[in-house]
Each structure stands twice: as structure tokens, then as C-alpha cells.
Amino acid sequence: MKKNYDVAVFHGDGIGPEIMAPTLEILRQLSGKNPSYELAFSDAPAGASHYAETGESFPAGSLETARNADAILLSAMGLPDVRYPDGTEISPQIDLRKQLGLFAGVRPVKVSSGQTTPLSLPNGKEIDFVLIRESTEGLFFTQGAGEVTEHEARETLLITREVSEKLFRFAFELAQNRKDTRRGRGRVTCVDKANVFRAFAFFRSMFDAEAAHHPELQADHAYVDATALWMVQKPWEFDVLVTENMFGDILSDLGAGLMGGLGLAPSADIGLNHAVFQPCHGSAPDIAGQGIANPFAMILSAAMMLEWLGLTHDHPGLSNDGERLREAVEKVTANGQNLTRDLGGSAGTQDAASSVLDELRP
């Protein structure tokens, strides 16, 4: 008997709808051919374009749709020329993180043999690590509510025990899962600046307390500046990295650079009861409507969604399709054909997505 899963869909702004459309088609074909599950999609209007048309950036009904869904698929959001009256950008994705308690921002970084990377990898070395970014507090806590006077500006960095303990528990569980599936070595690295800030010494102390519950895993620390250096010098050494919101925001883009760009960078924001899956890149309004946007990060985010649903609901059919979809994108990027312009090719959005479908066919 098929199990049904509801997916809330935020189509996004700029190139968002263009990369979401082929992603949904791939998901429909996967679920249509798998006898064990079926996906139902519910649209959730939100974003800068919706704000420009209606004066509302995130309708209550869309939040409710997301809250009731089994998973949330969100495309690129925001437009640089559409802002709130205070000058801040419209970011429903950040609102979702806070409203649904999505404390763990998961950013995988993977470069397999044959894939192009700006680095020269030693023979036999591959990059396969996960950066976990706390997504609800840190230096993003005041988000649009910082204090600004004529002579100074202040933002608040917040680290709480409640969120940090959940974050570290999630990080160690992920490392254990990666070790069990032979994706990682069972190593978790806390990335902080504990030598300067008391907040990060507090952050590190909670990491160490959680590490004590996992003697079968390796736990260590690294300062954020050193981590940035090592991500360039020896990224194959990492397994799971866990860090504060702003540090994670910066390092995740560095990780995308290792893969060749944001067009290959998927992400998830995960809480205890909900999860959002979205590409790391922006809405690229300068190329919107031209049919040349790279859909791979959106498709890889959908693959993460299937794997998460499979793990959460103990449903191997979903997990297997998620893995197949991820591997299909990796094969397309490794063979160098049907790549979009940002990856050095000339393929359009639809051709790039169709090449992924071709890899999925038996």
C-alpha cells in the first residue's frame, strides 16, 4: 500500500519558479514509478513578488500549509529591489525557520571523482562533509530589529542552551548515521571563536557535554578562521562541522565554492517536527525568464527531502529514491554534458533537468 506525503511548495522569486517546475516534474515521475509512496504538492504563496502584488510577504494561510505538511520545498526567495519600508529584504525562509523552530541548517559539501572543483585534489581524495549551521539565533537573532543611532549600531548575538543542546544532539546523530552508512568517519567538529567571545565558550561547553554521550564518535574543536583555511587546504579531512548562524552562513558559501558554485549547493533547515529544503543560491533576477538558470541545487534539495522523509518515517523507498536522485545529479555534473552556463556549459534549465531524468531511467 502506498503511503501519502504532503509537500508544501514555495515557488519563490526571480528564477525560483523556473527551477522549481522541473524539480516537481522529477519528483512526480519518481513517486509515480515507486509503489511504496505518493507525493501531493500544495502551493504556498509568499515572497517578494507576492509582496509587490499584494502588500503581504508571508500570508498566514501559507504558514499553515507549511505547518501541516510532511515536508516543505522552497525555491530561491527575495528580490533586491523589493524591500520592506525599513530597507530590509523580504525573507520568508528566515521567518519559516523561526516560526517552525528549524534550528539545524544542513549544508552538504560533496565533490566526487570526475567532478570539477577549483581545488587540485590529491589522487584518491574526495570531498564529502556536512556543515550544520544553527539557523534561528546567533548573530541573526535581531534580524531587522538592531539598534541604530546617529553614531553607532548594535546587533545582538544570542546563544541559548535550549537551542544549542538540540543542535549538538542533531549533529552527533547525523555523524553516527553517516558512519553507519559509510559516508563519514564519525567525526564532529565544533567551529567557534571561543578564544575571544564568552558566548562561544558557552557554545563549546555544551558541545563538549553532548560529545561525552557519544564515546564511539570523535569530537574536536576548530576556530572559524582556521576552519576557513582548512576548508581550502584539506577539505577531505572534515566529516560533520557544527557552528553558529553567521559563521555557518559564511562557511556554507565557501563550501559551495569548493563544489564549483552555488548552483550545486542544496540545503535543509530541520527542526524536531518540520523541515524546509531549498537551494543556497539567490533568486538571480538578472537572468529570470531566460530559461538558463541552473536547476541542480533545487533538485539536490529535493533529493535531501526524500532522504529525510525516508529516515524520519522509516521508509526505505523514499530514502532510496533520494539517493538515486542525488547520484543522478552527480553523474551529470561529472560527465560534463548538459551543464548550465555557471558551470561552464551552455545548456538551458530544462535540458539540464532532463539530463538528470535520463540518468534516473533504468
Protein backbone atom coordinates (compact mmCIF):
# COMPACT_ATOMS: atom_id res chain seq x y z
CA MET A 1 0.00 0.00 0.00
CA LYS A 2 1.29 3.43 -0.93
CA LYS A 3 1.95 5.94 1.83
CA ASN A 4 0.98 9.53 1.07
CA TYR A 5 3.16 12.53 1.95
CA ASP A 6 2.11 16.18 1.64
CA VAL A 7 4.73 18.65 0.45
CA ALA A 8 4.23 22.42 0.80
CA VAL A 9 5.75 24.23 -2.19
CA PHE A 10 7.04 27.81 -2.14
CA HIS A 11 7.79 28.63 -5.79
CA GLY A 12 9.98 31.63 -4.94
CA ASP A 13 11.03 34.78 -6.78
CA GLY A 14 13.15 35.52 -9.82
CA ILE A 15 14.41 32.20 -11.19
CA GLY A 16 12.63 30.39 -8.35
CA PRO A 17 9.59 29.19 -10.33
CA GLU A 18 11.83 28.20 -13.28
CA ILE A 19 13.92 25.77 -11.23
CA MET A 20 11.01 24.54 -9.14
CA ALA A 21 8.93 23.40 -12.13
CA PRO A 22 11.35 20.72 -13.45
CA THR A 23 12.15 19.64 -9.89
CA LEU A 24 8.47 18.91 -9.22
CA GLU A 25 8.25 17.03 -12.52
CA ILE A 26 11.16 14.81 -11.48
CA LEU A 27 9.55 14.17 -8.08
CA ARG A 28 6.23 13.30 -9.73
CA GLN A 29 7.92 10.81 -12.03
CA LEU A 30 9.84 9.21 -9.15
CA SER A 31 6.77 8.84 -6.95
CA GLY A 32 4.66 7.69 -9.90
CA LYS A 33 7.02 4.79 -10.54
CA ASN A 34 7.53 3.82 -6.90
CA PRO A 35 4.78 1.59 -5.49
CA SER A 36 5.60 2.47 -1.87
CA TYR A 37 4.79 6.20 -1.70
CA GLU A 38 2.98 9.10 -3.32
CA LEU A 39 3.70 12.82 -3.05
CA ALA A 40 1.00 15.50 -3.04
CA PHE A 41 2.03 19.13 -3.58
CA SER A 42 0.31 22.18 -2.08
CA ASP A 43 1.28 25.68 -3.24
CA ALA A 44 2.14 28.23 -0.57
CA PRO A 45 2.28 31.82 -1.94
CA ALA A 46 4.94 34.03 -0.32
CA GLY A 47 7.96 36.16 -1.14
CA ALA A 48 8.97 39.47 -2.67
CA SER A 49 6.86 39.11 -5.81
CA HIS A 50 3.82 38.28 -3.72
CA TYR A 51 4.54 41.29 -1.51
CA ALA A 52 4.81 43.58 -4.54
CA GLU A 53 1.43 42.37 -5.77
CA THR A 54 -0.50 42.15 -2.51
CA GLY A 55 1.41 44.04 0.20
CA GLU A 56 1.77 40.76 2.11
CA SER A 57 5.02 38.78 2.11
CA PHE A 58 4.01 35.68 4.04
CA PRO A 59 0.26 35.01 4.29
CA ALA A 60 -0.96 33.20 7.37
CA GLY A 61 -2.52 30.56 5.13
CA SER A 62 0.87 29.74 3.61
CA LEU A 63 2.40 29.32 7.05
CA GLU A 64 -0.44 26.99 7.96
CA THR A 65 0.09 24.98 4.76
CA ALA A 66 3.75 24.62 5.68
CA ARG A 67 2.98 23.71 9.28
CA ASN A 68 0.59 20.94 8.21
CA ALA A 69 2.88 19.45 5.54
CA ASP A 70 5.16 16.45 5.92
CA ALA A 71 7.96 18.45 4.26
CA ILE A 72 8.49 21.90 2.77
CA LEU A 73 10.16 22.55 -0.59
CA LEU A 74 11.21 26.17 -1.05
CA SER A 75 12.81 27.79 -4.08
CA ALA A 76 15.00 30.90 -4.22
CA MET A 77 13.38 33.83 -2.40
CA GLY A 78 13.76 37.60 -2.39
CA LEU A 79 14.32 40.43 -4.87
CA PRO A 80 16.90 43.19 -4.27
CA ASP A 81 14.58 45.98 -5.39
CA VAL A 82 11.56 44.84 -3.35
CA ARG A 83 12.05 45.57 0.33
CA TYR A 84 10.19 46.43 3.50
CA PRO A 85 9.90 50.14 4.37
CA ASP A 86 12.89 49.85 6.76
CA GLY A 87 15.12 48.71 3.87
CA THR A 88 15.47 45.05 4.87
CA GLU A 89 14.91 42.29 2.33
CA ILE A 90 11.84 40.10 2.30
CA SER A 91 12.88 36.67 3.55
CA PRO A 92 10.01 34.26 4.28
CA GLN A 93 12.60 31.48 4.52
CA ILE A 94 14.03 33.07 7.66
CA ASP A 95 10.52 33.57 9.05
CA LEU A 96 9.86 29.87 8.49
CA ARG A 97 12.98 28.91 10.42
CA LYS A 98 11.87 30.91 13.42
CA GLN A 99 8.16 30.06 13.29
CA LEU A 100 8.77 26.31 12.97
CA GLY A 101 11.88 26.08 15.16
CA LEU A 102 14.18 24.90 12.37
CA PHE A 103 17.38 25.09 14.37
CA ALA A 104 19.64 22.88 12.21
CA GLY A 105 20.73 24.27 8.85
CA VAL A 106 22.24 21.36 6.94
CA ARG A 107 24.65 22.21 4.11
CA PRO A 108 26.26 19.18 2.43
CA VAL A 109 29.51 19.69 0.51
CA LYS A 110 30.38 16.88 -1.87
CA VAL A 111 32.87 16.62 -4.74
CA SER A 112 33.25 13.13 -6.21
CA SER A 113 35.90 11.84 -8.59
CA GLY A 114 35.45 13.40 -12.01
CA GLN A 115 33.62 16.48 -10.80
CA THR A 116 35.14 19.88 -11.46
CA THR A 117 36.38 21.84 -8.46
CA PRO A 118 38.56 24.96 -8.12
CA LEU A 119 40.92 22.86 -5.97
CA SER A 120 43.50 20.37 -7.14
CA LEU A 121 42.52 17.28 -5.16
CA PRO A 122 45.25 14.74 -4.42
CA ASN A 123 44.77 11.39 -6.14
CA GLY A 124 42.13 9.32 -4.41
CA LYS A 125 40.75 12.22 -2.37
CA GLU A 126 37.09 13.22 -2.43
CA ILE A 127 35.22 15.90 -0.51
CA ASP A 128 32.18 14.75 1.45
CA PHE A 129 31.29 16.66 4.59
CA VAL A 130 28.25 18.35 6.10
CA LEU A 131 28.17 21.80 7.64
CA ILE A 132 25.44 22.25 10.24
CA ARG A 133 24.54 25.86 10.85
CA GLU A 134 22.34 26.88 13.77
CA SER A 135 19.51 28.70 11.98
CA THR A 136 17.35 30.59 14.48
CA GLU A 137 19.59 32.71 16.72
CA GLY A 138 23.29 33.63 16.82
CA LEU A 139 24.10 36.93 15.13
CA PHE A 140 20.87 36.72 13.13
CA PHE A 141 18.79 36.94 16.30
CA THR A 142 17.78 40.59 15.98
CA GLN A 143 17.09 40.32 12.20
CA GLY A 144 15.87 43.76 11.23
CA ALA A 145 15.48 44.93 14.84
CA GLY A 146 19.01 46.03 15.68
CA GLU A 147 19.62 49.39 17.35
CA VAL A 148 20.84 52.19 15.09
CA THR A 149 21.56 55.74 16.20
CA GLU A 150 23.39 58.61 14.53
CA HIS A 151 26.72 57.47 15.94
CA GLU A 152 26.54 53.69 16.36
CA ALA A 153 24.74 50.48 15.52
CA ARG A 154 24.29 47.35 17.63
CA GLU A 155 23.13 43.84 16.85
CA THR A 156 22.67 41.09 19.43
CA LEU A 157 24.30 37.66 19.23
CA LEU A 158 22.21 35.15 21.16
CA ILE A 159 23.27 31.62 22.12
CA THR A 160 20.78 29.65 24.22
CA ARG A 161 21.13 26.33 25.99
CA GLU A 162 17.73 25.17 24.73
CA VAL A 163 18.62 25.52 21.05
CA SER A 164 22.31 24.61 21.30
CA GLU A 165 21.68 21.31 23.06
CA LYS A 166 19.22 20.29 20.33
CA LEU A 167 21.70 21.41 17.68
CA PHE A 168 24.57 19.35 19.06
CA ARG A 169 22.38 16.31 19.60
CA PHE A 170 21.35 16.56 15.94
CA ALA A 171 24.99 16.91 14.82
CA PHE A 172 26.14 13.80 16.65
CA GLU A 173 23.16 11.79 15.44
CA LEU A 174 23.94 12.82 11.87
CA ALA A 175 27.59 11.85 12.30
CA GLN A 176 26.52 8.46 13.63
CA ASN A 177 24.20 7.95 10.67
CA ARG A 178 26.96 8.90 8.23
CA LYS A 179 29.32 6.48 9.92
CA ASP A 180 26.75 3.68 9.86
CA THR A 181 26.16 4.22 6.13
CA ARG A 182 29.90 4.60 5.42
CA ARG A 183 29.55 8.20 4.27
CA GLY A 184 31.68 9.59 7.12
CA ARG A 185 34.20 8.64 9.77
CA GLY A 186 32.13 9.60 12.78
CA ARG A 187 33.87 12.91 13.48
CA VAL A 188 32.13 16.08 14.70
CA THR A 189 33.96 19.42 14.78
CA CYS A 190 32.65 22.40 16.74
CA VAL A 191 33.51 25.60 14.86
CA ASP A 192 33.58 28.68 17.08
CA LYS A 193 35.60 31.65 18.34
CA ALA A 194 35.79 30.58 21.97
CA ASN A 195 39.19 32.22 22.46
CA VAL A 196 37.62 35.69 22.14
CA PHE A 197 33.89 35.55 22.95
CA ARG A 198 32.31 34.26 26.15
CA ALA A 199 29.23 33.33 24.11
CA PHE A 200 31.29 30.86 22.10
CA ALA A 201 32.98 29.45 25.19
CA PHE A 202 29.41 28.74 26.40
CA PHE A 203 28.60 27.24 22.98
CA ARG A 204 31.68 24.99 23.15
CA SER A 205 30.91 23.81 26.70
CA MET A 206 27.52 22.47 25.58
CA PHE A 207 29.17 20.75 22.60
CA ASP A 208 31.59 19.01 24.95
CA ALA A 209 28.74 17.91 27.21
CA GLU A 210 26.94 16.28 24.28
CA ALA A 211 30.18 14.73 22.98
CA ALA A 212 30.55 12.91 26.30
CA HIS A 213 27.39 10.94 25.44
CA HIS A 214 28.96 9.64 22.20
CA PRO A 215 32.29 7.98 23.06
CA GLU A 216 32.09 5.98 19.83
CA LEU A 217 32.43 9.22 17.81
CA GLN A 218 35.37 11.61 17.55
CA ALA A 219 34.76 15.18 18.76
CA ASP A 220 37.08 18.15 18.33
CA HIS A 221 37.12 21.95 18.02
CA ALA A 222 38.33 24.49 15.46
CA TYR A 223 38.29 28.27 15.37
CA VAL A 224 36.27 29.64 12.49
CA ASP A 225 39.19 31.43 10.82
CA ALA A 226 41.32 28.27 10.88
CA THR A 227 38.36 26.28 9.54
CA ALA A 228 38.10 28.59 6.53
CA LEU A 229 41.78 27.97 5.83
CA TRP A 230 41.49 24.19 6.20
CA MET A 231 38.39 24.04 4.00
CA VAL A 232 40.66 25.18 1.19
CA GLN A 233 43.81 23.28 2.19
CA LYS A 234 42.38 19.91 3.27
CA PRO A 235 38.56 19.74 2.98
CA TRP A 236 38.65 15.94 2.67
CA GLU A 237 39.56 15.78 6.37
CA PHE A 238 36.13 17.01 7.53
CA ASP A 239 33.04 14.95 8.29
CA VAL A 240 30.45 16.94 10.26
CA LEU A 241 31.01 20.59 11.21
CA VAL A 242 28.62 22.41 13.55
CA THR A 243 28.62 26.15 14.13
CA GLU A 244 26.77 29.39 14.89
CA ASN A 245 24.36 31.04 12.45
CA MET A 246 26.57 33.75 10.93
CA PHE A 247 29.70 31.60 10.82
CA GLY A 248 27.64 28.90 9.10
CA ASP A 249 26.23 31.38 6.60
CA ILE A 250 29.75 32.37 5.53
CA LEU A 251 31.34 28.92 5.57
CA SER A 252 28.48 27.36 3.62
CA ASP A 253 29.21 29.67 0.69
CA LEU A 254 32.86 28.67 0.89
CA GLY A 255 31.70 25.07 0.76
CA ALA A 256 29.62 25.87 -2.32
CA GLY A 257 32.74 27.35 -3.90
CA LEU A 258 34.55 24.05 -3.38
CA MET A 259 31.81 22.36 -5.42
CA GLY A 260 32.07 24.89 -8.23
CA GLY A 261 29.40 27.37 -7.20
CA LEU A 262 26.07 27.92 -5.51
CA GLY A 263 24.33 26.21 -8.40
CA LEU A 264 25.35 22.87 -6.85
CA ALA A 265 24.63 23.79 -3.22
CA PRO A 266 21.48 22.32 -1.67
CA SER A 267 20.37 22.84 1.90
CA ALA A 268 17.86 21.89 4.56
CA ASP A 269 16.63 23.61 7.70
CA ILE A 270 15.45 20.95 10.12
CA GLY A 271 13.65 21.07 13.45
CA LEU A 272 12.06 18.50 15.71
CA ASN A 273 8.82 18.33 13.70
CA HIS A 274 9.36 20.17 10.41
CA ALA A 275 11.95 20.61 7.67
CA VAL A 276 12.47 23.01 4.76
CA PHE A 277 14.58 22.12 1.71
CA GLN A 278 15.91 24.84 -0.56
CA PRO A 279 18.88 25.80 -2.75
CA CYS A 280 21.52 28.00 -1.14
CA HIS A 281 21.63 30.48 -4.02
CA GLY A 282 19.57 33.62 -4.55
CA SER A 283 16.79 34.44 -6.97
CA ALA A 284 19.07 35.87 -9.72
CA PRO A 285 16.52 38.30 -11.15
CA ASP A 286 19.02 39.38 -13.83
CA ILE A 287 18.54 36.05 -15.65
CA ALA A 288 14.93 35.34 -14.68
CA GLY A 289 12.71 34.37 -17.59
CA GLN A 290 15.59 33.40 -19.87
CA GLY A 291 15.46 29.64 -19.23
CA ILE A 292 19.17 29.43 -18.39
CA ALA A 293 19.12 29.06 -14.60
CA ASN A 294 20.89 26.09 -13.03
CA PRO A 295 18.30 23.70 -11.50
CA PHE A 296 20.77 21.31 -9.86
CA ALA A 297 20.79 22.87 -6.36
CA MET A 298 16.99 22.81 -6.33
CA ILE A 299 16.95 19.18 -7.49
CA LEU A 300 19.60 18.20 -4.92
CA SER A 301 17.49 19.88 -2.23
CA ALA A 302 14.55 17.73 -3.33
CA ALA A 303 16.82 14.67 -3.03
CA MET A 304 17.65 15.71 0.53
CA MET A 305 13.92 15.99 1.20
CA LEU A 306 13.29 12.44 0.02
CA GLU A 307 16.16 11.10 2.12
CA TRP A 308 14.94 12.99 5.20
CA LEU A 309 11.35 11.78 4.74
CA GLY A 310 12.62 8.24 4.36
CA LEU A 311 14.72 8.45 7.50
CA THR A 312 12.03 10.23 9.53
CA HIS A 313 9.24 7.85 8.54
CA ASP A 314 11.39 4.69 8.32
CA HIS A 315 10.51 4.43 4.63
CA PRO A 316 13.33 2.88 2.57
CA GLY A 317 11.57 3.58 -0.73
CA LEU A 318 11.83 7.31 -0.16
CA SER A 319 15.42 7.11 1.05
CA ASN A 320 16.46 5.04 -1.96
CA ASP A 321 14.87 7.47 -4.42
CA GLY A 322 16.57 10.38 -2.66
CA GLU A 323 19.93 8.67 -3.00
CA ARG A 324 19.24 7.82 -6.66
CA LEU A 325 18.32 11.42 -7.41
CA ARG A 326 21.44 12.78 -5.73
CA GLU A 327 23.64 10.32 -7.59
CA ALA A 328 21.95 11.19 -10.90
CA VAL A 329 22.90 14.85 -10.48
CA GLU A 330 26.44 13.86 -9.55
CA LYS A 331 26.74 11.76 -12.71
CA VAL A 332 25.51 14.61 -14.90
CA THR A 333 27.98 17.08 -13.40
CA ALA A 334 30.83 14.56 -13.60
CA ASN A 335 30.33 13.77 -17.30
CA GLY A 336 30.39 17.47 -18.16
CA GLN A 337 27.46 17.38 -20.59
CA ASN A 338 24.29 19.45 -20.34
CA LEU A 339 25.80 21.83 -17.82
CA THR A 340 24.44 25.33 -17.43
CA ARG A 341 26.50 28.47 -18.01
CA ASP A 342 27.57 28.92 -14.41
CA LEU A 343 29.24 25.50 -14.60
CA GLY A 344 30.98 26.21 -17.91
CA GLY A 345 28.34 24.72 -20.23
CA SER A 346 25.62 26.11 -22.45
CA ALA A 347 22.56 24.03 -21.53
CA GLY A 348 19.30 25.64 -20.50
CA THR A 349 17.33 24.87 -17.37
CA GLN A 350 15.08 22.26 -18.97
CA ASP A 351 17.88 20.43 -20.77
CA ALA A 352 19.93 20.23 -17.57
CA ALA A 353 16.94 18.85 -15.65
CA SER A 354 16.10 16.41 -18.46
CA SER A 355 19.64 15.01 -18.29
CA VAL A 356 19.01 14.14 -14.64
CA LEU A 357 15.81 12.33 -15.61
CA ASP A 358 17.74 10.41 -18.26
CA GLU A 359 20.19 9.20 -15.59
CA LEU A 360 17.29 8.01 -13.44
CA ARG A 361 15.85 5.82 -16.19
CA PRO A 362 16.81 2.12 -15.92
